[in-house]
Amino acid sequence: MSLTPTQRRYLRTLTHDLRPVILLGAKGATDAVAKELGNALDQHELVKIRLSGGDKDERQAQIDFLIAGTGAESIQQIGHVVVLFRRNNDDPKLALPR
């Protein structure tokens, strides 16, 4: 599912009040973390993640791994925090603008 710029802007406004649900540690993104993130996306659709330290390339590799493992879309990245979205087709939680 590809999001329109209006939908991305709307989702970014919702992220301000969110607390990080997934906190990556020293091992970074692993298969277990991707599985847990998939469960969180099923329940919430919009999830904030705090990435582990490292340089920009390492953080981008973690984001790419999580996106590939869950099928989510990146909504916003600021420093060590990234927000991912994946629509739950069975039970949608968020109403997106058209």
N, C-alpha and C. Protein backbone atom coordinates (compact mmCIF):
# COMPACT_ATOMS: atom_id res chain seq x y z
N MET A 1 0.84 -1.17 0.00
CA MET A 1 0.00 0.00 0.00
C MET A 1 0.89 1.23 0.00
N SER A 2 0.68 2.08 -0.96
CA SER A 2 1.45 3.31 -1.05
C SER A 2 0.61 4.46 -0.48
N LEU A 3 1.21 5.22 0.40
CA LEU A 3 0.50 6.32 1.04
C LEU A 3 0.67 7.61 0.24
N THR A 4 -0.37 8.41 0.23
CA THR A 4 -0.30 9.71 -0.42
C THR A 4 0.40 10.69 0.52
N PRO A 5 0.89 11.80 0.01
CA PRO A 5 1.52 12.81 0.89
C PRO A 5 0.57 13.33 1.97
N THR A 6 -0.71 13.45 1.67
CA THR A 6 -1.69 13.89 2.67
C THR A 6 -1.81 12.87 3.79
N GLN A 7 -1.82 11.59 3.45
CA GLN A 7 -1.92 10.53 4.45
C GLN A 7 -0.66 10.49 5.32
N ARG A 8 0.51 10.67 4.71
CA ARG A 8 1.75 10.70 5.48
C ARG A 8 1.76 11.88 6.45
N ARG A 9 1.32 13.03 6.01
CA ARG A 9 1.26 14.22 6.85
C ARG A 9 0.32 13.98 8.03
N TYR A 10 -0.82 13.35 7.77
CA TYR A 10 -1.78 13.04 8.83
C TYR A 10 -1.17 12.08 9.85
N LEU A 11 -0.49 11.04 9.37
CA LEU A 11 0.13 10.08 10.28
C LEU A 11 1.24 10.72 11.10
N ARG A 12 1.99 11.65 10.51
CA ARG A 12 3.03 12.35 11.26
C ARG A 12 2.43 13.16 12.40
N THR A 13 1.23 13.72 12.21
CA THR A 13 0.60 14.47 13.30
C THR A 13 0.21 13.53 14.45
N LEU A 14 -0.12 12.29 14.14
CA LEU A 14 -0.49 11.33 15.18
C LEU A 14 0.72 10.82 15.98
N THR A 15 1.92 10.94 15.42
CA THR A 15 3.10 10.37 16.07
C THR A 15 3.60 11.21 17.24
N HIS A 16 3.20 12.46 17.33
CA HIS A 16 3.73 13.33 18.38
C HIS A 16 3.45 12.78 19.78
N ASP A 17 2.30 12.21 20.01
CA ASP A 17 1.92 11.74 21.34
C ASP A 17 2.35 10.31 21.62
N LEU A 18 2.90 9.62 20.63
CA LEU A 18 3.30 8.22 20.81
C LEU A 18 4.60 8.11 21.58
N ARG A 19 4.69 7.07 22.37
CA ARG A 19 5.94 6.69 23.03
C ARG A 19 6.53 5.51 22.23
N PRO A 20 7.86 5.38 22.21
CA PRO A 20 8.45 4.24 21.49
C PRO A 20 7.96 2.91 22.06
N VAL A 21 7.50 2.04 21.19
CA VAL A 21 7.02 0.72 21.58
C VAL A 21 8.16 -0.29 21.53
N ILE A 22 9.05 -0.13 20.56
CA ILE A 22 10.18 -1.02 20.39
C ILE A 22 11.46 -0.23 20.65
N LEU A 23 12.31 -0.75 21.51
CA LEU A 23 13.60 -0.14 21.81
C LEU A 23 14.69 -1.13 21.40
N LEU A 24 15.51 -0.75 20.43
CA LEU A 24 16.57 -1.65 19.96
C LEU A 24 17.79 -1.51 20.86
N GLY A 25 18.37 -2.63 21.22
CA GLY A 25 19.54 -2.65 22.09
C GLY A 25 20.82 -2.76 21.30
N ALA A 26 21.84 -3.29 21.94
CA ALA A 26 23.17 -3.37 21.34
C ALA A 26 23.20 -4.30 20.13
N LYS A 27 22.34 -5.32 20.11
CA LYS A 27 22.32 -6.25 18.97
C LYS A 27 21.62 -5.68 17.75
N GLY A 28 20.90 -4.59 17.92
CA GLY A 28 20.22 -3.96 16.79
C GLY A 28 18.98 -4.72 16.37
N ALA A 29 18.69 -4.67 15.10
CA ALA A 29 17.50 -5.31 14.55
C ALA A 29 17.78 -6.79 14.29
N THR A 30 16.97 -7.65 14.88
CA THR A 30 17.10 -9.10 14.70
C THR A 30 15.76 -9.64 14.22
N ASP A 31 15.74 -10.93 13.89
CA ASP A 31 14.49 -11.56 13.46
C ASP A 31 13.44 -11.52 14.57
N ALA A 32 13.86 -11.70 15.81
CA ALA A 32 12.92 -11.66 16.94
C ALA A 32 12.31 -10.26 17.09
N VAL A 33 13.11 -9.24 16.88
CA VAL A 33 12.61 -7.87 16.96
C VAL A 33 11.62 -7.61 15.83
N ALA A 34 11.93 -8.09 14.63
CA ALA A 34 11.02 -7.91 13.50
C ALA A 34 9.69 -8.62 13.75
N LYS A 35 9.75 -9.79 14.36
CA LYS A 35 8.51 -10.52 14.67
C LYS A 35 7.68 -9.76 15.69
N GLU A 36 8.34 -9.24 16.73
CA GLU A 36 7.63 -8.48 17.76
C GLU A 36 7.07 -7.18 17.18
N LEU A 37 7.82 -6.56 16.29
CA LEU A 37 7.33 -5.36 15.61
C LEU A 37 6.11 -5.68 14.76
N GLY A 38 6.11 -6.82 14.11
CA GLY A 38 4.95 -7.24 13.33
C GLY A 38 3.71 -7.36 14.20
N ASN A 39 3.87 -7.93 15.40
CA ASN A 39 2.75 -8.03 16.33
C ASN A 39 2.27 -6.65 16.77
N ALA A 40 3.21 -5.74 17.04
CA ALA A 40 2.84 -4.39 17.46
C ALA A 40 2.13 -3.65 16.33
N LEU A 41 2.57 -3.85 15.09
CA LEU A 41 1.91 -3.21 13.95
C LEU A 41 0.50 -3.76 13.75
N ASP A 42 0.30 -5.05 14.01
CA ASP A 42 -1.03 -5.63 13.90
C ASP A 42 -1.99 -4.98 14.89
N GLN A 43 -1.49 -4.67 16.09
CA GLN A 43 -2.35 -4.10 17.12
C GLN A 43 -2.53 -2.59 16.97
N HIS A 44 -1.47 -1.87 16.62
CA HIS A 44 -1.51 -0.41 16.65
C HIS A 44 -1.49 0.26 15.28
N GLU A 45 -0.97 -0.39 14.27
CA GLU A 45 -0.78 0.12 12.92
C GLU A 45 0.31 1.19 12.82
N LEU A 46 0.44 2.05 13.78
CA LEU A 46 1.43 3.12 13.78
C LEU A 46 2.33 2.93 15.01
N VAL A 47 3.63 2.69 14.77
CA VAL A 47 4.53 2.33 15.87
C VAL A 47 5.79 3.19 15.80
N LYS A 48 6.19 3.69 16.97
CA LYS A 48 7.42 4.46 17.09
C LYS A 48 8.51 3.54 17.65
N ILE A 49 9.71 3.62 17.03
CA ILE A 49 10.82 2.75 17.39
C ILE A 49 12.04 3.60 17.71
N ARG A 50 12.72 3.30 18.82
CA ARG A 50 13.98 3.95 19.15
C ARG A 50 15.10 3.01 18.72
N LEU A 51 15.93 3.49 17.79
CA LEU A 51 17.01 2.68 17.25
C LEU A 51 18.21 2.70 18.17
N SER A 52 19.07 1.68 18.06
CA SER A 52 20.29 1.64 18.85
C SER A 52 21.28 2.63 18.27
N GLY A 53 22.33 2.88 19.01
CA GLY A 53 23.35 3.84 18.58
C GLY A 53 24.02 3.41 17.29
N GLY A 54 24.94 4.19 16.87
CA GLY A 54 25.65 3.89 15.64
C GLY A 54 25.55 5.06 14.69
N ASP A 55 26.24 4.92 13.58
CA ASP A 55 26.20 6.01 12.61
C ASP A 55 24.94 5.94 11.77
N LYS A 56 24.79 6.90 10.90
CA LYS A 56 23.58 7.04 10.10
C LYS A 56 23.35 5.82 9.19
N ASP A 57 24.42 5.29 8.62
CA ASP A 57 24.30 4.13 7.74
C ASP A 57 23.82 2.89 8.50
N GLU A 58 24.32 2.72 9.73
CA GLU A 58 23.90 1.59 10.54
C GLU A 58 22.43 1.70 10.92
N ARG A 59 21.98 2.90 11.28
CA ARG A 59 20.57 3.10 11.60
C ARG A 59 19.69 2.85 10.38
N GLN A 60 20.14 3.30 9.20
CA GLN A 60 19.36 3.08 7.98
C GLN A 60 19.28 1.59 7.66
N ALA A 61 20.36 0.85 7.92
CA ALA A 61 20.34 -0.60 7.70
C ALA A 61 19.34 -1.27 8.64
N GLN A 62 19.25 -0.80 9.88
CA GLN A 62 18.27 -1.35 10.82
C GLN A 62 16.85 -1.07 10.34
N ILE A 63 16.61 0.15 9.87
CA ILE A 63 15.28 0.51 9.36
C ILE A 63 14.92 -0.35 8.15
N ASP A 64 15.85 -0.50 7.22
CA ASP A 64 15.60 -1.31 6.03
C ASP A 64 15.29 -2.76 6.40
N PHE A 65 16.00 -3.30 7.39
CA PHE A 65 15.76 -4.67 7.83
C PHE A 65 14.35 -4.80 8.42
N LEU A 66 13.95 -3.85 9.25
CA LEU A 66 12.63 -3.90 9.89
C LEU A 66 11.51 -3.73 8.86
N ILE A 67 11.71 -2.85 7.89
CA ILE A 67 10.70 -2.65 6.85
C ILE A 67 10.56 -3.90 5.99
N ALA A 68 11.69 -4.50 5.62
CA ALA A 68 11.64 -5.73 4.81
C ALA A 68 11.02 -6.88 5.59
N GLY A 69 11.27 -6.95 6.89
CA GLY A 69 10.75 -8.05 7.70
C GLY A 69 9.29 -7.93 8.05
N THR A 70 8.72 -6.71 7.98
CA THR A 70 7.33 -6.53 8.39
C THR A 70 6.42 -6.04 7.27
N GLY A 71 6.98 -5.52 6.20
CA GLY A 71 6.15 -4.98 5.13
C GLY A 71 5.55 -3.63 5.47
N ALA A 72 6.15 -2.94 6.42
CA ALA A 72 5.66 -1.62 6.86
C ALA A 72 6.25 -0.52 5.99
N GLU A 73 5.73 0.68 6.16
CA GLU A 73 6.25 1.86 5.47
C GLU A 73 6.79 2.84 6.50
N SER A 74 7.90 3.46 6.15
CA SER A 74 8.48 4.47 7.03
C SER A 74 7.71 5.78 6.86
N ILE A 75 7.25 6.34 7.96
CA ILE A 75 6.50 7.59 7.93
C ILE A 75 7.42 8.76 8.23
N GLN A 76 8.30 8.59 9.23
CA GLN A 76 9.14 9.68 9.65
C GLN A 76 10.36 9.13 10.38
N GLN A 77 11.50 9.80 10.19
CA GLN A 77 12.70 9.46 10.95
C GLN A 77 13.35 10.74 11.42
N ILE A 78 13.53 10.83 12.73
CA ILE A 78 14.23 11.97 13.32
C ILE A 78 15.27 11.41 14.27
N GLY A 79 16.53 11.56 13.93
CA GLY A 79 17.61 11.07 14.77
C GLY A 79 17.53 9.57 14.96
N HIS A 80 17.41 9.13 16.20
CA HIS A 80 17.37 7.71 16.53
C HIS A 80 15.95 7.17 16.64
N VAL A 81 14.97 7.93 16.21
CA VAL A 81 13.57 7.51 16.31
C VAL A 81 12.97 7.42 14.91
N VAL A 82 12.31 6.31 14.64
CA VAL A 82 11.63 6.11 13.37
C VAL A 82 10.20 5.68 13.65
N VAL A 83 9.28 6.09 12.77
CA VAL A 83 7.87 5.72 12.89
C VAL A 83 7.50 4.89 11.67
N LEU A 84 6.93 3.72 11.92
CA LEU A 84 6.51 2.82 10.85
C LEU A 84 5.00 2.63 10.89
N PHE A 85 4.41 2.41 9.70
CA PHE A 85 2.97 2.20 9.58
C PHE A 85 2.73 0.99 8.70
N ARG A 86 1.78 0.17 9.12
CA ARG A 86 1.29 -0.93 8.28
C ARG A 86 -0.20 -1.10 8.56
N ARG A 87 -1.00 -1.02 7.51
CA ARG A 87 -2.45 -1.13 7.62
C ARG A 87 -2.83 -2.54 8.01
N ASN A 88 -3.71 -2.67 9.00
CA ASN A 88 -4.29 -3.95 9.39
C ASN A 88 -5.58 -4.10 8.59
N ASN A 89 -5.55 -4.91 7.55
CA ASN A 89 -6.70 -5.04 6.65
C ASN A 89 -7.90 -5.72 7.31
N ASP A 90 -7.66 -6.59 8.29
CA ASP A 90 -8.75 -7.28 8.97
C ASP A 90 -9.48 -6.39 9.95
N ASP A 91 -8.75 -5.55 10.67
CA ASP A 91 -9.33 -4.69 11.70
C ASP A 91 -8.63 -3.33 11.71
N PRO A 92 -8.94 -2.45 10.73
CA PRO A 92 -8.25 -1.15 10.67
C PRO A 92 -8.51 -0.31 11.92
N LYS A 93 -7.45 0.30 12.45
CA LYS A 93 -7.56 1.12 13.65
C LYS A 93 -7.62 2.61 13.33
N LEU A 94 -6.89 3.03 12.30
CA LEU A 94 -6.79 4.44 11.95
C LEU A 94 -7.54 4.72 10.64
N ALA A 95 -8.31 5.77 10.65
CA ALA A 95 -9.01 6.21 9.44
C ALA A 95 -8.11 7.22 8.73
N LEU A 96 -7.66 6.85 7.54
CA LEU A 96 -6.78 7.72 6.77
C LEU A 96 -7.59 8.64 5.87
N PRO A 97 -7.14 9.90 5.72
CA PRO A 97 -7.81 10.78 4.75
C PRO A 97 -7.55 10.30 3.32
N ARG A 98 -8.39 10.68 2.44
CA ARG A 98 -8.21 10.26 1.04
C ARG A 98 -7.26 11.11 0.30
